Amino acid sequence: MMATKPFVAGGASINTMTDYCGGCRLDPRTRVGDDACPFTTGYWWSLSRNRALLQGNSRRIRALRGLDRLRDLDEVVVQEERRGSGRP
C-alpha cells in the first residue's frame, strides 16, 4: 500500500535537504559509474521498475516524466540489477 503523500528522493535532494552527504566521496548528481550515489541510482531504478504501478498516483507523475529525459536510464537499470545480484 502506498500513502497519499509518498516521499522518495535521490541523492541530490538528500544532499540539499540534509547534511547526510557531507563527507561522502560519491556524487549525488551521478547515476552511473564508480562515483554514482546509490540513493540517486536507486531512486531512478525504482521509478523505472514500478512505473506501471505508480502511473495512477498523481503525486508521482512529475517524477515519472523525468524518466523520459534520462539518457542513461538503461545503464542505470543494468548497474542496479548487477548490484542486486552481487555481480560486478
Protein backbone atom coordinates (compact mmCIF):
# COMPACT_ATOMS: atom_id res chain seq x y z
CA MET A 1 0.00 0.00 0.00
CA MET A 2 1.22 3.49 -0.71
CA ALA A 3 0.46 6.54 1.39
CA THR A 4 -1.20 9.54 -0.21
CA LYS A 5 1.95 11.60 0.21
CA PRO A 6 4.80 9.37 -0.92
CA PHE A 7 8.21 10.87 -0.48
CA VAL A 8 11.23 9.35 -2.07
CA ALA A 9 14.34 11.21 -3.04
CA GLY A 10 17.53 10.81 -4.95
CA GLY A 11 20.94 11.85 -3.73
CA ALA A 12 20.70 15.43 -4.97
CA SER A 13 17.58 16.07 -2.87
CA ILE A 14 19.05 14.36 0.16
CA ASN A 15 22.20 16.45 -0.25
CA THR A 16 20.17 19.67 -0.48
CA MET A 17 17.84 18.94 2.43
CA THR A 18 20.27 17.34 4.89
CA ASP A 19 23.90 17.23 5.90
CA TYR A 20 23.93 13.45 5.43
CA CYS A 21 26.16 13.60 2.33
CA GLY A 22 28.78 15.90 3.86
CA GLY A 23 31.78 13.58 3.93
CA CYS A 24 30.70 11.15 1.24
CA ARG A 25 33.01 10.67 -1.74
CA LEU A 26 30.09 9.78 -4.03
CA ASP A 27 28.47 12.40 -6.25
CA PRO A 28 24.71 12.79 -5.61
CA ARG A 29 24.25 14.07 -9.18
CA THR A 30 25.86 10.99 -10.74
CA ARG A 31 23.73 7.97 -11.66
CA VAL A 32 26.22 5.62 -13.32
CA GLY A 33 29.76 4.55 -12.51
CA ASP A 34 32.05 4.18 -9.52
CA ASP A 35 31.21 7.65 -8.19
CA ALA A 36 27.43 7.21 -8.55
CA CYS A 37 25.35 7.87 -5.47
CA PRO A 38 23.31 4.76 -4.59
CA PHE A 39 20.40 6.94 -3.48
CA THR A 40 20.28 8.64 -6.89
CA THR A 41 20.66 5.41 -8.82
CA GLY A 42 18.19 3.56 -6.62
CA TYR A 43 15.64 6.35 -6.96
CA TRP A 44 15.58 6.24 -10.75
CA TRP A 45 15.82 2.45 -10.89
CA SER A 46 12.90 2.09 -8.50
CA LEU A 47 10.77 4.51 -10.50
CA SER A 48 11.62 2.66 -13.69
CA ARG A 49 10.78 -0.75 -12.19
CA ASN A 50 7.50 0.45 -10.72
CA ARG A 51 6.39 2.85 -13.43
CA ALA A 52 3.21 0.97 -14.35
CA LEU A 53 2.18 0.67 -10.72
CA LEU A 54 2.87 4.34 -9.93
CA GLN A 55 1.24 5.91 -13.01
CA GLY A 56 -2.09 6.12 -11.26
CA ASN A 57 -0.62 8.21 -8.44
CA SER A 58 -0.96 11.89 -9.33
CA ARG A 59 1.85 12.84 -6.94
CA ARG A 60 4.34 10.70 -8.90
CA ILE A 61 3.54 11.97 -12.41
CA ARG A 62 6.27 14.59 -12.48
CA ALA A 63 8.93 12.14 -11.30
CA LEU A 64 7.80 9.53 -13.79
CA ARG A 65 8.02 12.06 -16.62
CA GLY A 66 11.61 12.63 -15.52
CA LEU A 67 12.40 9.07 -16.54
CA ASP A 68 11.77 10.01 -20.16
CA ARG A 69 14.56 12.60 -20.12
CA LEU A 70 17.26 10.31 -18.72
CA ARG A 71 19.66 9.35 -21.48
CA ASP A 72 21.43 6.85 -19.24
CA LEU A 73 18.37 5.04 -17.82
CA ASP A 74 19.31 1.75 -19.49
CA GLU A 75 22.76 1.94 -17.89
CA VAL A 76 21.22 2.75 -14.50
CA VAL A 77 18.95 -0.31 -14.74
CA VAL A 78 21.82 -2.62 -15.71
CA GLN A 79 24.04 -1.24 -12.95
CA GLU A 80 21.37 -1.70 -10.27
CA GLU A 81 20.43 -5.18 -11.44
CA ARG A 82 24.11 -6.15 -11.18
CA ARG A 83 24.34 -4.58 -7.75
CA GLY A 84 21.29 -6.53 -6.61
CA SER A 85 22.63 -9.81 -7.94
CA GLY A 86 26.07 -9.32 -6.44
CA ARG A 87 27.76 -9.43 -9.87
CA PRO A 88 30.40 -6.79 -10.69
